[in-house]
Amino acid sequence: MPAQAKPPAKPVKPVKVEAGTARTDSPPLTERQEARRRRILHASAQLASRGGFDAVQMREVAESSQVALGTLYRYFPSKVHLLVATMQDQLEHMHGTLRKKPPQGETAAERVAETLMRAFRALQREPHLADAMVRALTFADRSVSPEVDQVSRQTTVIILDAMGLADPTPAQLSAVRVIEHTWHSALITWLSGRASIAQVKIDIETVCRLIDLTAPEGEGP
């Protein structure tokens, strides 16, 4: 939705868009490179879970993931690149969890609202990690566009899956974008202490009603 998901004794609960490459314009990673990338993302999530954005230092990430610092920078040119990719990874894991236990709402709007609240609660369980990832998204400039786009695509896929929609209309995709923006905004306001969980739920349920308004004529929920 515009990724991704830590104390050594406490495993991070991944918050999961498709398992990926380091950059959208890069060739596919080899098995060894993918394993190295996964170690880097895991180390990033662990450090962020312990102390938030400031706790993620590239040298510490390199040491924790057992890669050379120069290698780390080849995968992720900056901490912002790394944390946005961490959010995409966390969303990917979350997506896998949602597929195992799909939302049960009767309408598409109810299912999407339930899905996004489950995603929100997963992030709520790791507030330092959530804050680090959201801050990275906020700080991201154009150089981080590929990673930000992956987060957005993953969030869109999660919402469309909850809707049960494989071929959305332009109006439905527009509604999905508004829902995605509202979800991220609600996450930011909650992290900053400006919104309660109850208010987040109301906002998400309200914006999800757009789904019913954009359904093609004759198409039920």
Protein backbone atom coordinates (compact mmCIF):
# COMPACT_ATOMS: atom_id res chain seq x y z
CA MET A 1 0.00 0.00 0.00
CA PRO A 2 1.81 4.32 -0.85
CA ALA A 3 7.84 -3.03 0.61
CA GLN A 4 8.51 -3.37 4.52
CA ALA A 5 8.76 -6.61 7.59
CA LYS A 6 14.09 -6.68 16.40
CA PRO A 7 15.41 -8.10 19.60
CA PRO A 8 17.41 -11.28 19.17
CA ALA A 9 15.15 -13.21 21.52
CA LYS A 10 11.95 -12.03 19.91
CA PRO A 11 11.35 -13.00 16.28
CA VAL A 12 9.78 -10.32 14.16
CA LYS A 13 6.28 -11.11 13.00
CA PRO A 14 6.38 -10.25 9.31
CA VAL A 15 3.76 -7.65 8.45
CA LYS A 16 3.87 -9.40 3.43
CA VAL A 17 3.70 -7.81 -3.00
CA GLU A 18 5.55 -10.71 -4.62
CA ALA A 19 8.96 -11.93 -3.54
CA GLY A 20 11.24 -9.71 -5.30
CA THR A 21 14.35 -8.49 -6.88
CA ALA A 22 16.51 -5.82 -5.34
CA ARG A 23 15.41 -3.26 -7.95
CA THR A 24 12.63 -3.41 -10.50
CA ASP A 25 15.10 -2.69 -13.32
CA SER A 26 17.63 -5.30 -12.19
CA PRO A 27 18.04 -8.83 -13.56
CA PRO A 28 16.61 -11.64 -11.40
CA LEU A 29 18.69 -12.51 -8.38
CA THR A 30 20.48 -15.81 -8.11
CA GLU A 31 19.55 -18.13 -5.26
CA ARG A 32 22.61 -17.02 -3.32
CA GLN A 33 21.90 -13.34 -3.92
CA GLU A 34 18.27 -13.76 -2.86
CA ALA A 35 19.37 -15.49 0.35
CA ARG A 36 21.76 -12.61 1.03
CA ARG A 37 19.00 -10.08 0.36
CA ARG A 38 16.67 -11.88 2.76
CA ARG A 39 19.32 -11.76 5.50
CA ILE A 40 19.70 -8.03 4.95
CA LEU A 41 15.95 -7.41 5.15
CA HIS A 42 15.68 -9.56 8.27
CA ALA A 43 18.50 -7.65 9.96
CA SER A 44 16.88 -4.34 9.00
CA ALA A 45 13.55 -5.42 10.49
CA GLN A 46 15.17 -6.64 13.69
CA LEU A 47 17.08 -3.40 14.25
CA ALA A 48 14.01 -1.29 13.45
CA SER A 49 11.87 -3.34 15.85
CA ARG A 50 14.34 -2.62 18.64
CA GLY A 51 14.73 1.10 18.20
CA GLY A 52 12.89 2.45 15.17
CA PHE A 53 14.32 4.47 12.31
CA ASP A 54 17.42 5.72 14.11
CA ALA A 55 18.41 2.21 15.19
CA VAL A 56 18.86 1.08 11.58
CA GLN A 57 22.48 1.87 10.80
CA MET A 58 23.93 0.48 7.59
CA ARG A 59 27.12 -0.78 9.24
CA GLU A 60 25.12 -2.67 11.85
CA VAL A 61 22.83 -4.10 9.19
CA ALA A 62 25.88 -5.33 7.28
CA GLU A 63 27.35 -6.93 10.39
CA SER A 64 24.06 -8.55 11.44
CA SER A 65 23.42 -9.96 7.96
CA GLN A 66 27.05 -11.05 7.52
CA VAL A 67 27.64 -9.11 4.31
CA ALA A 68 30.30 -6.56 3.46
CA LEU A 69 29.23 -2.94 3.82
CA GLY A 70 29.96 -2.32 0.15
CA THR A 71 27.77 -5.27 -0.80
CA LEU A 72 24.94 -3.89 1.31
CA TYR A 73 25.12 -0.57 -0.52
CA ARG A 74 24.97 -2.37 -3.87
CA TYR A 75 21.64 -3.89 -2.82
CA PHE A 76 20.31 -0.78 -1.07
CA PRO A 77 21.97 2.60 -1.76
CA SER A 78 20.66 4.15 1.48
CA LYS A 79 18.82 3.43 4.69
CA VAL A 80 15.64 4.82 3.17
CA HIS A 81 15.91 2.39 0.23
CA LEU A 82 16.44 -0.43 2.71
CA LEU A 83 13.52 0.41 4.99
CA VAL A 84 11.07 0.93 2.13
CA ALA A 85 12.12 -2.48 0.78
CA THR A 86 11.64 -3.85 4.30
CA MET A 87 8.06 -2.56 4.25
CA GLN A 88 7.42 -4.26 0.93
CA ASP A 89 8.79 -7.48 2.36
CA GLN A 90 6.62 -7.21 5.47
CA LEU A 91 3.54 -6.58 3.33
CA GLU A 92 4.41 -9.63 1.24
CA HIS A 93 4.49 -11.84 4.32
CA MET A 94 1.24 -10.30 5.52
CA HIS A 95 -0.36 -11.04 2.15
CA GLY A 96 0.58 -14.68 2.51
CA THR A 97 -1.07 -14.78 5.95
CA LEU A 98 -4.22 -13.13 4.60
CA ARG A 99 -4.46 -15.69 1.80
CA LYS A 100 -4.36 -18.52 4.33
CA LYS A 101 -7.17 -16.91 6.30
CA PRO A 102 -9.21 -14.68 3.93
CA PRO A 103 -11.52 -11.95 5.28
CA GLN A 104 -15.10 -13.04 5.96
CA GLY A 105 -17.13 -9.89 5.26
CA GLU A 106 -20.27 -10.25 3.16
CA THR A 107 -19.48 -7.32 0.86
CA ALA A 108 -16.28 -6.31 -0.90
CA ALA A 109 -16.16 -3.13 1.21
CA GLU A 110 -16.42 -5.14 4.44
CA ARG A 111 -13.72 -7.56 3.32
CA VAL A 112 -11.30 -4.78 2.41
CA ALA A 113 -11.94 -2.95 5.69
CA GLU A 114 -11.34 -6.19 7.62
CA THR A 115 -8.16 -6.87 5.65
CA LEU A 116 -6.71 -3.40 6.22
CA MET A 117 -7.53 -3.49 9.93
CA ARG A 118 -5.78 -6.86 10.21
CA ALA A 119 -2.78 -5.34 8.45
CA PHE A 120 -2.93 -2.34 10.77
CA ARG A 121 -3.02 -4.55 13.87
CA ALA A 122 -0.04 -6.53 12.61
CA LEU A 123 1.90 -3.29 12.32
CA GLN A 124 0.57 -2.20 15.70
CA ARG A 125 2.28 -5.19 17.30
CA GLU A 126 5.63 -3.84 16.04
CA PRO A 127 5.27 -0.05 16.54
CA HIS A 128 8.98 0.75 16.25
CA LEU A 129 9.24 -1.19 13.00
CA ALA A 130 6.05 0.40 11.66
CA ASP A 131 7.31 3.87 12.52
CA ALA A 132 10.69 3.24 10.85
CA MET A 133 9.09 1.99 7.63
CA VAL A 134 6.55 4.82 7.46
CA ARG A 135 9.24 7.42 8.11
CA ALA A 136 11.29 5.95 5.28
CA LEU A 137 8.30 6.22 2.93
CA THR A 138 7.87 9.84 4.00
CA PHE A 139 11.54 10.65 3.40
CA ALA A 140 11.74 8.80 0.06
CA ASP A 141 12.74 10.90 -2.95
CA ARG A 142 12.69 10.01 -6.64
CA SER A 143 15.69 7.72 -6.31
CA VAL A 144 13.54 5.41 -4.16
CA SER A 145 10.66 5.30 -6.66
CA PRO A 146 11.13 1.61 -7.60
CA GLU A 147 10.89 0.54 -3.95
CA VAL A 148 7.95 2.87 -3.23
CA ASP A 149 6.18 1.55 -6.33
CA GLN A 150 6.60 -2.01 -5.05
CA VAL A 151 4.98 -1.06 -1.74
CA SER A 152 2.09 0.55 -3.61
CA ARG A 153 1.64 -2.44 -5.93
CA GLN A 154 1.68 -4.86 -3.02
CA THR A 155 -0.94 -2.85 -1.15
CA THR A 156 -3.08 -2.73 -4.29
CA VAL A 157 -2.84 -6.50 -4.75
CA ILE A 158 -3.86 -7.06 -1.13
CA ILE A 159 -6.93 -4.84 -1.55
CA LEU A 160 -7.95 -6.39 -4.89
CA ASP A 161 -7.61 -9.88 -3.41
CA ALA A 162 -9.92 -8.88 -0.57
CA MET A 163 -12.40 -7.52 -3.13
CA GLY A 164 -12.20 -10.77 -5.08
CA LEU A 165 -11.38 -8.78 -8.19
CA ALA A 166 -8.99 -9.89 -10.91
CA ASP A 167 -9.92 -7.36 -13.61
CA PRO A 168 -10.77 -4.01 -11.98
CA THR A 169 -12.26 -1.11 -13.92
CA PRO A 170 -10.46 2.26 -13.99
CA ALA A 171 -13.01 3.58 -11.47
CA GLN A 172 -12.34 0.67 -9.14
CA LEU A 173 -8.59 1.17 -9.39
CA SER A 174 -9.10 4.84 -8.57
CA ALA A 175 -11.10 3.84 -5.48
CA VAL A 176 -8.33 1.43 -4.48
CA ARG A 177 -5.76 4.24 -4.72
CA VAL A 178 -7.88 6.48 -2.46
CA ILE A 179 -8.30 3.61 0.02
CA GLU A 180 -4.55 2.99 -0.03
CA HIS A 181 -3.79 6.66 0.60
CA THR A 182 -6.27 6.75 3.49
CA TRP A 183 -4.77 3.62 5.05
CA HIS A 184 -1.25 5.04 4.94
CA SER A 185 -2.48 8.39 6.28
CA ALA A 186 -4.33 6.64 9.11
CA LEU A 187 -1.17 4.72 9.96
CA ILE A 188 0.82 7.97 10.12
CA THR A 189 -1.72 9.74 12.31
CA TRP A 190 -1.89 6.75 14.68
CA LEU A 191 1.91 6.51 14.92
CA SER A 192 2.10 10.22 15.74
CA GLY A 193 -0.52 9.85 18.47
CA ARG A 194 -3.08 11.99 16.63
CA ALA A 195 -5.62 9.21 16.07
CA SER A 196 -6.94 6.34 18.14
CA ILE A 197 -7.37 2.81 16.83
CA ALA A 198 -11.13 3.38 16.97
CA GLN A 199 -10.79 6.43 14.72
CA VAL A 200 -8.55 4.54 12.31
CA LYS A 201 -11.23 1.84 12.04
CA ILE A 202 -13.95 4.40 11.33
CA ASP A 203 -11.85 6.12 8.65
CA ILE A 204 -11.00 2.85 6.93
CA GLU A 205 -14.57 1.59 6.98
CA THR A 206 -15.78 4.94 5.61
CA VAL A 207 -13.36 5.07 2.70
CA CYS A 208 -13.98 1.42 1.82
CA ARG A 209 -17.58 2.33 0.96
CA LEU A 210 -16.15 3.78 -2.25
CA ILE A 211 -15.91 0.19 -3.47
CA ASP A 212 -19.69 -0.15 -3.62
CA LEU A 213 -19.99 3.18 -5.43
CA THR A 214 -17.58 2.12 -8.18
CA ALA A 215 -19.00 -1.36 -8.80
CA PRO A 216 -20.22 -1.72 -12.42
CA GLU A 217 -23.99 -1.54 -12.79
CA GLY A 218 -25.59 -4.87 -12.08
CA GLU A 219 -22.56 -6.20 -10.24
CA GLY A 220 -23.30 -7.27 -6.68
CA PRO A 221 -20.96 -7.08 -3.68
